[in-house]
Structure formats: structure tokens, C-alpha cells
Amino acid sequence: MLKKSALTLALITSFGLSAHAADPVELLVTIDSGATMSQGAALVLAGQALEQKAKVRVLLCGPGGDIAVTGQMGEALKPRNLTPQQMLQGVIKAGAQVEVCALFLPNTGKKPTDLIEGVTAAKPADVAAYFLKPNVRTLSF
């Protein structure tokens, strides 16, 4: 029995696995860029992470928040000819939690009703607690 435990520990160590390997990977994607390709790249990666069973949370701020405003379609990106807002709607449909930063609405004169379905205003304490979790990876665009 002791040999089996030692062997298991040796295998885990040699493959670089940790005790937290069983924890699901979570991804926080922040988008504050107004650049269409940057927004698109962020949302493509968020979508791919969702397909690979990661829990995904998207935080939009500054010009990045504009893609969550109703009617702000933007320019379509090849090869799928989708706008960042359409991509955002896709990741929402796939299960991502999407929020605009707490500063977005009061500093743009927008209201929660101006946001597309599935987007809410973030609570800073909740976002901070989320990105401090050990199994959360972050991407910023």
C-alpha cells in the first residue's frame, strides 16, 4: 500500500499536477479596448474556453463596454462575419457571465436597460473575490 501511494505521488509530481488539478479551470476575460479585432480575439478565446468546459466570466469596461450596449453592433470580423456584439451574445448563450464594470454605466450616461440581454453591472467586491480565487486565470484585452 505504501509503495502504491509513493508511486502515485511520484507520478503526480513528475507530470506537474497538483492537488488542485481536479478543480475546474475558470477564466476571467477583461475587455477595455475599443479595437474591434482585440474585442473579437478576446471573445473567440472566451468561446473556446467555454467549449473546453471552463467557467468563463467577461468584464467589459471603457470602450470595451460599448459592445454590450443595445444597437452598438460594430464591424463584422472575418472569417465568420460576426460583430463583437454578436460574439458576446454567443458566449452569453454558451454560459458565460458577462458584466460591465461598475464605472461604465454612471460614466457613460447609460442605464442597465441600455445593455443587451444577459449583461449586468459588476459589483467590484464580487469581481475582486473572483479573480483572487486560485483556479482563475485572467486575460486582458
N, C-alpha and C. Protein backbone atom coordinates (compact mmCIF):
# COMPACT_ATOMS: atom_id res chain seq x y z
N MET A 1 0.82 -1.19 0.00
CA MET A 1 0.00 0.00 0.00
C MET A 1 0.87 1.25 0.00
N LEU A 2 1.90 1.27 0.80
CA LEU A 2 2.80 2.41 0.86
C LEU A 2 3.50 2.63 -0.47
N LYS A 3 3.89 1.53 -1.13
CA LYS A 3 4.56 1.65 -2.42
C LYS A 3 3.62 2.26 -3.45
N LYS A 4 2.33 1.87 -3.42
CA LYS A 4 1.36 2.38 -4.37
C LYS A 4 1.16 3.88 -4.17
N SER A 5 1.09 4.33 -2.92
CA SER A 5 0.94 5.76 -2.62
C SER A 5 2.17 6.53 -3.07
N ALA A 6 3.35 5.99 -2.84
CA ALA A 6 4.59 6.65 -3.24
C ALA A 6 4.65 6.74 -4.76
N LEU A 7 4.23 5.69 -5.45
CA LEU A 7 4.23 5.69 -6.91
C LEU A 7 3.25 6.74 -7.43
N THR A 8 2.07 6.81 -6.85
CA THR A 8 1.09 7.80 -7.26
C THR A 8 1.63 9.21 -7.06
N LEU A 9 2.24 9.46 -5.91
CA LEU A 9 2.82 10.77 -5.63
C LEU A 9 3.93 11.10 -6.62
N ALA A 10 4.75 10.12 -6.93
CA ALA A 10 5.84 10.33 -7.89
C ALA A 10 5.29 10.67 -9.27
N LEU A 11 4.23 9.99 -9.69
CA LEU A 11 3.62 10.27 -10.99
C LEU A 11 3.02 11.67 -11.03
N ILE A 12 2.31 12.04 -9.97
CA ILE A 12 1.71 13.37 -9.91
C ILE A 12 2.80 14.43 -9.99
N THR A 13 3.87 14.25 -9.23
CA THR A 13 4.96 15.21 -9.21
C THR A 13 5.65 15.28 -10.56
N SER A 14 5.89 14.14 -11.19
CA SER A 14 6.62 14.13 -12.45
C SER A 14 5.83 14.77 -13.58
N PHE A 15 4.53 14.73 -13.52
CA PHE A 15 3.71 15.34 -14.56
C PHE A 15 3.30 16.76 -14.22
N GLY A 16 3.76 17.27 -13.09
CA GLY A 16 3.48 18.65 -12.74
C GLY A 16 2.05 18.88 -12.31
N LEU A 17 1.36 17.86 -11.90
CA LEU A 17 -0.02 18.01 -11.47
C LEU A 17 -0.06 18.40 -10.00
N SER A 18 -1.10 19.08 -9.63
CA SER A 18 -1.23 19.47 -8.22
C SER A 18 -2.52 18.88 -7.67
N ALA A 19 -2.69 19.04 -6.39
CA ALA A 19 -3.90 18.56 -5.75
C ALA A 19 -5.11 19.32 -6.27
N HIS A 20 -4.88 20.51 -6.83
CA HIS A 20 -5.99 21.31 -7.34
C HIS A 20 -6.31 21.00 -8.79
N ALA A 21 -5.66 20.03 -9.38
CA ALA A 21 -5.88 19.72 -10.79
C ALA A 21 -7.32 19.34 -11.07
N ALA A 22 -8.01 18.81 -10.08
CA ALA A 22 -9.40 18.41 -10.26
C ALA A 22 -10.34 19.62 -10.24
N ASP A 23 -9.86 20.76 -9.71
CA ASP A 23 -10.68 21.96 -9.69
C ASP A 23 -10.92 22.41 -11.12
N PRO A 24 -12.15 22.82 -11.43
CA PRO A 24 -12.40 23.29 -12.80
C PRO A 24 -11.66 24.60 -13.06
N VAL A 25 -11.18 24.75 -14.25
CA VAL A 25 -10.49 25.98 -14.64
C VAL A 25 -11.55 27.06 -14.86
N GLU A 26 -11.26 28.24 -14.37
CA GLU A 26 -12.14 29.38 -14.57
C GLU A 26 -11.34 30.47 -15.25
N LEU A 27 -12.00 31.25 -16.08
CA LEU A 27 -11.33 32.27 -16.87
C LEU A 27 -12.05 33.60 -16.72
N LEU A 28 -11.30 34.63 -16.37
CA LEU A 28 -11.82 36.00 -16.32
C LEU A 28 -11.21 36.74 -17.50
N VAL A 29 -12.05 37.18 -18.41
CA VAL A 29 -11.61 37.92 -19.59
C VAL A 29 -12.05 39.37 -19.41
N THR A 30 -11.10 40.28 -19.39
CA THR A 30 -11.44 41.69 -19.30
C THR A 30 -11.19 42.35 -20.65
N ILE A 31 -12.17 43.11 -21.08
CA ILE A 31 -12.06 43.81 -22.36
C ILE A 31 -12.28 45.30 -22.09
N ASP A 32 -11.22 46.07 -22.29
CA ASP A 32 -11.37 47.52 -22.17
C ASP A 32 -10.96 48.24 -23.45
N SER A 33 -10.59 47.47 -24.44
CA SER A 33 -10.19 48.03 -25.73
C SER A 33 -11.40 48.31 -26.60
N GLY A 34 -11.31 49.38 -27.35
CA GLY A 34 -12.34 49.68 -28.33
C GLY A 34 -12.01 49.12 -29.70
N ALA A 35 -10.84 48.48 -29.82
CA ALA A 35 -10.41 47.92 -31.11
C ALA A 35 -11.21 46.65 -31.42
N THR A 36 -11.85 46.65 -32.55
CA THR A 36 -12.72 45.54 -32.95
C THR A 36 -11.99 44.20 -32.92
N MET A 37 -10.78 44.15 -33.47
CA MET A 37 -10.05 42.87 -33.51
C MET A 37 -9.67 42.40 -32.11
N SER A 38 -9.31 43.31 -31.23
CA SER A 38 -8.98 42.92 -29.85
C SER A 38 -10.22 42.36 -29.15
N GLN A 39 -11.34 43.02 -29.33
CA GLN A 39 -12.59 42.54 -28.74
C GLN A 39 -12.93 41.15 -29.30
N GLY A 40 -12.79 41.01 -30.61
CA GLY A 40 -13.08 39.73 -31.25
C GLY A 40 -12.17 38.63 -30.77
N ALA A 41 -10.87 38.92 -30.66
CA ALA A 41 -9.92 37.92 -30.19
C ALA A 41 -10.26 37.46 -28.77
N ALA A 42 -10.59 38.41 -27.91
CA ALA A 42 -10.96 38.08 -26.54
C ALA A 42 -12.18 37.17 -26.51
N LEU A 43 -13.16 37.47 -27.32
CA LEU A 43 -14.40 36.69 -27.31
C LEU A 43 -14.24 35.34 -27.99
N VAL A 44 -13.37 35.25 -28.98
CA VAL A 44 -13.07 33.95 -29.58
C VAL A 44 -12.43 33.04 -28.53
N LEU A 45 -11.47 33.58 -27.78
CA LEU A 45 -10.82 32.77 -26.73
C LEU A 45 -11.80 32.40 -25.62
N ALA A 46 -12.67 33.33 -25.26
CA ALA A 46 -13.69 33.03 -24.25
C ALA A 46 -14.59 31.90 -24.74
N GLY A 47 -14.98 31.97 -26.00
CA GLY A 47 -15.82 30.92 -26.58
C GLY A 47 -15.13 29.58 -26.61
N GLN A 48 -13.85 29.57 -26.96
CA GLN A 48 -13.09 28.33 -26.99
C GLN A 48 -12.96 27.74 -25.58
N ALA A 49 -12.75 28.60 -24.60
CA ALA A 49 -12.66 28.13 -23.21
C ALA A 49 -13.98 27.51 -22.77
N LEU A 50 -15.09 28.12 -23.15
CA LEU A 50 -16.40 27.56 -22.82
C LEU A 50 -16.59 26.19 -23.46
N GLU A 51 -16.16 26.06 -24.71
CA GLU A 51 -16.27 24.77 -25.40
C GLU A 51 -15.44 23.70 -24.70
N GLN A 52 -14.35 24.12 -24.04
CA GLN A 52 -13.49 23.19 -23.33
C GLN A 52 -13.88 23.06 -21.86
N LYS A 53 -15.10 23.46 -21.57
CA LYS A 53 -15.74 23.26 -20.24
C LYS A 53 -15.20 24.15 -19.13
N ALA A 54 -14.56 25.25 -19.47
CA ALA A 54 -14.13 26.20 -18.45
C ALA A 54 -15.32 27.09 -18.08
N LYS A 55 -15.32 27.57 -16.87
CA LYS A 55 -16.29 28.58 -16.46
C LYS A 55 -15.70 29.92 -16.89
N VAL A 56 -16.49 30.74 -17.58
CA VAL A 56 -15.97 31.99 -18.13
C VAL A 56 -16.79 33.18 -17.61
N ARG A 57 -16.05 34.21 -17.22
CA ARG A 57 -16.65 35.47 -16.80
C ARG A 57 -15.99 36.56 -17.63
N VAL A 58 -16.79 37.45 -18.19
CA VAL A 58 -16.28 38.53 -19.03
C VAL A 58 -16.63 39.86 -18.37
N LEU A 59 -15.61 40.71 -18.23
CA LEU A 59 -15.79 42.03 -17.64
C LEU A 59 -15.46 43.06 -18.71
N LEU A 60 -16.42 43.93 -19.00
CA LEU A 60 -16.28 44.95 -20.03
C LEU A 60 -16.18 46.32 -19.38
N CYS A 61 -15.20 47.12 -19.81
CA CYS A 61 -15.06 48.46 -19.23
C CYS A 61 -14.56 49.43 -20.29
N GLY A 62 -14.81 50.71 -20.07
CA GLY A 62 -14.38 51.73 -21.02
C GLY A 62 -14.95 51.43 -22.39
N PRO A 63 -14.16 51.65 -23.45
CA PRO A 63 -14.65 51.39 -24.80
C PRO A 63 -15.07 49.94 -25.02
N GLY A 64 -14.52 49.03 -24.23
CA GLY A 64 -14.92 47.62 -24.33
C GLY A 64 -16.37 47.41 -23.92
N GLY A 65 -16.86 48.26 -23.05
CA GLY A 65 -18.25 48.16 -22.60
C GLY A 65 -19.25 48.50 -23.68
N ASP A 66 -18.82 49.26 -24.66
CA ASP A 66 -19.74 49.66 -25.73
C ASP A 66 -20.33 48.48 -26.47
N ILE A 67 -19.62 47.35 -26.53
CA ILE A 67 -20.17 46.20 -27.27
C ILE A 67 -21.36 45.58 -26.56
N ALA A 68 -21.60 45.98 -25.31
CA ALA A 68 -22.75 45.47 -24.57
C ALA A 68 -23.97 46.39 -24.66
N VAL A 69 -23.81 47.51 -25.33
CA VAL A 69 -24.90 48.47 -25.45
C VAL A 69 -25.79 48.11 -26.65
N THR A 70 -27.08 48.04 -26.41
CA THR A 70 -28.03 47.72 -27.47
C THR A 70 -27.82 48.65 -28.67
N GLY A 71 -27.75 48.04 -29.84
CA GLY A 71 -27.61 48.81 -31.07
C GLY A 71 -26.18 49.14 -31.46
N GLN A 72 -25.21 48.80 -30.65
CA GLN A 72 -23.80 49.07 -30.97
C GLN A 72 -23.17 47.84 -31.61
N MET A 73 -23.58 47.54 -32.80
CA MET A 73 -23.14 46.31 -33.44
C MET A 73 -21.65 46.32 -33.79
N GLY A 74 -21.13 47.38 -34.36
CA GLY A 74 -19.73 47.40 -34.75
C GLY A 74 -19.51 46.70 -36.09
N GLU A 75 -18.23 46.59 -36.45
CA GLU A 75 -17.88 46.00 -37.75
C GLU A 75 -17.72 44.48 -37.62
N ALA A 76 -18.14 43.77 -38.66
CA ALA A 76 -18.05 42.30 -38.67
C ALA A 76 -16.61 41.88 -38.94
N LEU A 77 -16.22 40.80 -38.28
CA LEU A 77 -14.88 40.25 -38.43
C LEU A 77 -14.92 38.94 -39.20
N LYS A 78 -13.95 38.78 -40.08
CA LYS A 78 -13.82 37.53 -40.82
C LYS A 78 -13.16 36.51 -39.92
N PRO A 79 -13.29 35.25 -40.09
CA PRO A 79 -13.92 34.59 -41.23
C PRO A 79 -15.41 34.31 -41.03
N ARG A 80 -15.94 34.56 -39.85
CA ARG A 80 -17.35 34.20 -39.60
C ARG A 80 -18.31 35.36 -39.83
N ASN A 81 -17.77 36.54 -40.13
CA ASN A 81 -18.57 37.73 -40.38
C ASN A 81 -19.51 38.05 -39.22
N LEU A 82 -18.95 38.03 -38.02
CA LEU A 82 -19.69 38.37 -36.81
C LEU A 82 -19.10 39.63 -36.20
N THR A 83 -19.97 40.44 -35.61
CA THR A 83 -19.51 41.62 -34.89
C THR A 83 -19.14 41.20 -33.47
N PRO A 84 -18.35 42.02 -32.77
CA PRO A 84 -18.06 41.70 -31.37
C PRO A 84 -19.34 41.53 -30.53
N GLN A 85 -20.36 42.33 -30.80
CA GLN A 85 -21.60 42.17 -30.04
C GLN A 85 -22.25 40.81 -30.31
N GLN A 86 -22.23 40.36 -31.56
CA GLN A 86 -22.77 39.04 -31.87
C GLN A 86 -21.95 37.94 -31.19
N MET A 87 -20.63 38.11 -31.16
CA MET A 87 -19.77 37.15 -30.45
C MET A 87 -20.09 37.16 -28.96
N LEU A 88 -20.29 38.35 -28.41
CA LEU A 88 -20.64 38.48 -27.00
C LEU A 88 -21.94 37.75 -26.70
N GLN A 89 -22.92 37.92 -27.56
CA GLN A 89 -24.19 37.21 -27.38
C GLN A 89 -23.99 35.70 -27.45
N GLY A 90 -23.06 35.26 -28.28
CA GLY A 90 -22.76 33.84 -28.38
C GLY A 90 -22.17 33.27 -27.10
N VAL A 91 -21.24 34.01 -26.48
CA VAL A 91 -20.65 33.49 -25.24
C VAL A 91 -21.65 33.55 -24.09
N ILE A 92 -22.55 34.53 -24.12
CA ILE A 92 -23.62 34.57 -23.11
C ILE A 92 -24.50 33.34 -23.26
N LYS A 93 -24.88 33.06 -24.48
CA LYS A 93 -25.74 31.89 -24.75
C LYS A 93 -25.04 30.59 -24.34
N ALA A 94 -23.71 30.56 -24.47
CA ALA A 94 -22.93 29.36 -24.12
C ALA A 94 -22.68 29.24 -22.62
N GLY A 95 -23.08 30.27 -21.85
CA GLY A 95 -22.98 30.15 -20.40
C GLY A 95 -22.04 31.11 -19.70
N ALA A 96 -21.42 32.03 -20.42
CA ALA A 96 -20.52 32.99 -19.77
C ALA A 96 -21.32 34.00 -18.96
N GLN A 97 -20.74 34.42 -17.86
CA GLN A 97 -21.29 35.53 -17.08
C GLN A 97 -20.65 36.79 -17.62
N VAL A 98 -21.45 37.76 -18.02
CA VAL A 98 -20.92 38.98 -18.64
C VAL A 98 -21.42 40.20 -17.87
N GLU A 99 -20.46 41.08 -17.56
CA GLU A 99 -20.78 42.30 -16.80
C GLU A 99 -20.03 43.48 -17.37
N VAL A 100 -20.62 44.66 -17.21
CA VAL A 100 -19.86 45.88 -17.44
C VAL A 100 -19.30 46.29 -16.09
N CYS A 101 -18.13 46.94 -16.10
CA CYS A 101 -17.52 47.35 -14.84
C CYS A 101 -18.44 48.36 -14.15
N ALA A 102 -18.25 48.49 -12.87
CA ALA A 102 -19.11 49.35 -12.06
C ALA A 102 -19.05 50.81 -12.49
N LEU A 103 -17.97 51.21 -13.15
CA LEU A 103 -17.82 52.60 -13.57
C LEU A 103 -18.47 52.89 -14.92
N PHE A 104 -18.76 51.86 -15.68
CA PHE A 104 -19.22 52.05 -17.06
C PHE A 104 -20.54 52.82 -17.13
N LEU A 105 -21.57 52.33 -16.49
CA LEU A 105 -22.89 52.96 -16.62
C LEU A 105 -22.90 54.41 -16.12
N PRO A 106 -22.44 54.69 -14.89
CA PRO A 106 -22.53 56.07 -14.42
C PRO A 106 -21.64 57.05 -15.20
N ASN A 107 -20.59 56.57 -15.84
CA ASN A 107 -19.69 57.47 -16.55
C ASN A 107 -19.98 57.58 -18.04
N THR A 108 -20.93 56.80 -18.53
CA THR A 108 -21.32 56.91 -19.94
C THR A 108 -22.73 57.44 -20.09
N GLY A 109 -23.42 57.62 -18.97
CA GLY A 109 -24.80 58.09 -19.04
C GLY A 109 -25.77 57.00 -19.45
N LYS A 110 -25.30 55.76 -19.49
CA LYS A 110 -26.16 54.63 -19.85
C LYS A 110 -26.86 54.08 -18.62
N LYS A 111 -27.94 53.36 -18.87
CA LYS A 111 -28.70 52.71 -17.81
C LYS A 111 -28.63 51.19 -18.02
N PRO A 112 -28.92 50.41 -16.99
CA PRO A 112 -28.93 48.95 -17.17
C PRO A 112 -29.84 48.50 -18.31
N THR A 113 -30.89 49.25 -18.57
CA THR A 113 -31.81 48.88 -19.66
C THR A 113 -31.21 49.12 -21.04
N ASP A 114 -30.08 49.84 -21.10
CA ASP A 114 -29.39 50.07 -22.37
C ASP A 114 -28.51 48.90 -22.77
N LEU A 115 -28.33 47.94 -21.86
CA LEU A 115 -27.45 46.80 -22.12
C LEU A 115 -28.21 45.66 -22.79
N ILE A 116 -27.48 44.91 -23.61
CA ILE A 116 -28.11 43.75 -24.26
C ILE A 116 -28.48 42.72 -23.19
N GLU A 117 -29.39 41.85 -23.55
CA GLU A 117 -29.84 40.81 -22.62
C GLU A 117 -28.67 39.94 -22.20
N GLY A 118 -28.59 39.68 -20.89
CA GLY A 118 -27.55 38.82 -20.35
C GLY A 118 -26.36 39.56 -19.78
N VAL A 119 -26.34 40.89 -19.90
CA VAL A 119 -25.23 41.69 -19.37
C VAL A 119 -25.74 42.50 -18.18
N THR A 120 -24.99 42.45 -17.08
CA THR A 120 -25.35 43.18 -15.88
C THR A 120 -24.19 44.08 -15.45
N ALA A 121 -24.44 44.91 -14.46
CA ALA A 121 -23.38 45.75 -13.90
C ALA A 121 -22.64 44.95 -12.83
N ALA A 122 -21.33 45.00 -12.88
CA ALA A 122 -20.50 44.25 -11.93
C ALA A 122 -20.48 44.93 -10.57
N LYS A 123 -20.27 44.11 -9.56
CA LYS A 123 -20.05 44.60 -8.20
C LYS A 123 -18.55 44.40 -7.93
N PRO A 124 -17.81 45.47 -7.68
CA PRO A 124 -16.36 45.37 -7.53
C PRO A 124 -15.90 44.31 -6.53
N ALA A 125 -16.56 44.20 -5.40
CA ALA A 125 -16.14 43.21 -4.40
C ALA A 125 -16.28 41.78 -4.95
N ASP A 126 -17.33 41.53 -5.71
CA ASP A 126 -17.53 40.20 -6.29
C ASP A 126 -16.45 39.88 -7.33
N VAL A 127 -16.14 40.86 -8.17
CA VAL A 127 -15.12 40.65 -9.20
C VAL A 127 -13.76 40.43 -8.55
N ALA A 128 -13.43 41.23 -7.55
CA ALA A 128 -12.14 41.08 -6.87
C ALA A 128 -12.04 39.70 -6.22
N ALA A 129 -13.09 39.27 -5.55
CA ALA A 129 -13.08 37.94 -4.92
C ALA A 129 -12.92 36.85 -5.97
N TYR A 130 -13.54 37.04 -7.13
CA TYR A 130 -13.45 36.04 -8.19
C TYR A 130 -12.03 35.92 -8.71
N PHE A 131 -11.40 37.04 -9.06
CA PHE A 131 -10.07 36.92 -9.66
C PHE A 131 -8.99 36.56 -8.64
N LEU A 132 -9.30 36.59 -7.36
CA LEU A 132 -8.35 36.16 -6.35
C LEU A 132 -8.42 34.65 -6.08
N LYS A 133 -9.42 33.99 -6.64
CA LYS A 133 -9.52 32.54 -6.47
C LYS A 133 -8.32 31.87 -7.14
N PRO A 134 -7.75 30.83 -6.52
CA PRO A 134 -6.53 30.22 -7.07
C PRO A 134 -6.69 29.54 -8.44
N ASN A 135 -7.88 29.14 -8.80
CA ASN A 135 -8.05 28.42 -10.07
C ASN A 135 -8.55 29.32 -11.19
N VAL A 136 -8.51 30.65 -11.00
CA VAL A 136 -8.95 31.59 -12.03
C VAL A 136 -7.75 32.11 -12.81
N ARG A 137 -7.84 32.01 -14.11
CA ARG A 137 -6.84 32.58 -14.99
C ARG A 137 -7.43 33.84 -15.60
N THR A 138 -6.59 34.81 -15.89
CA THR A 138 -7.10 36.06 -16.42
C THR A 138 -6.47 36.40 -17.77
N LEU A 139 -7.28 36.98 -18.62
CA LEU A 139 -6.83 37.50 -19.91
C LEU A 139 -7.35 38.93 -20.01
N SER A 140 -6.52 39.85 -20.48
CA SER A 140 -6.96 41.23 -20.63
C SER A 140 -6.73 41.71 -22.05
N PHE A 141 -7.73 42.36 -22.58
CA PHE A 141 -7.67 42.89 -23.95
C PHE A 141 -8.11 44.35 -23.94
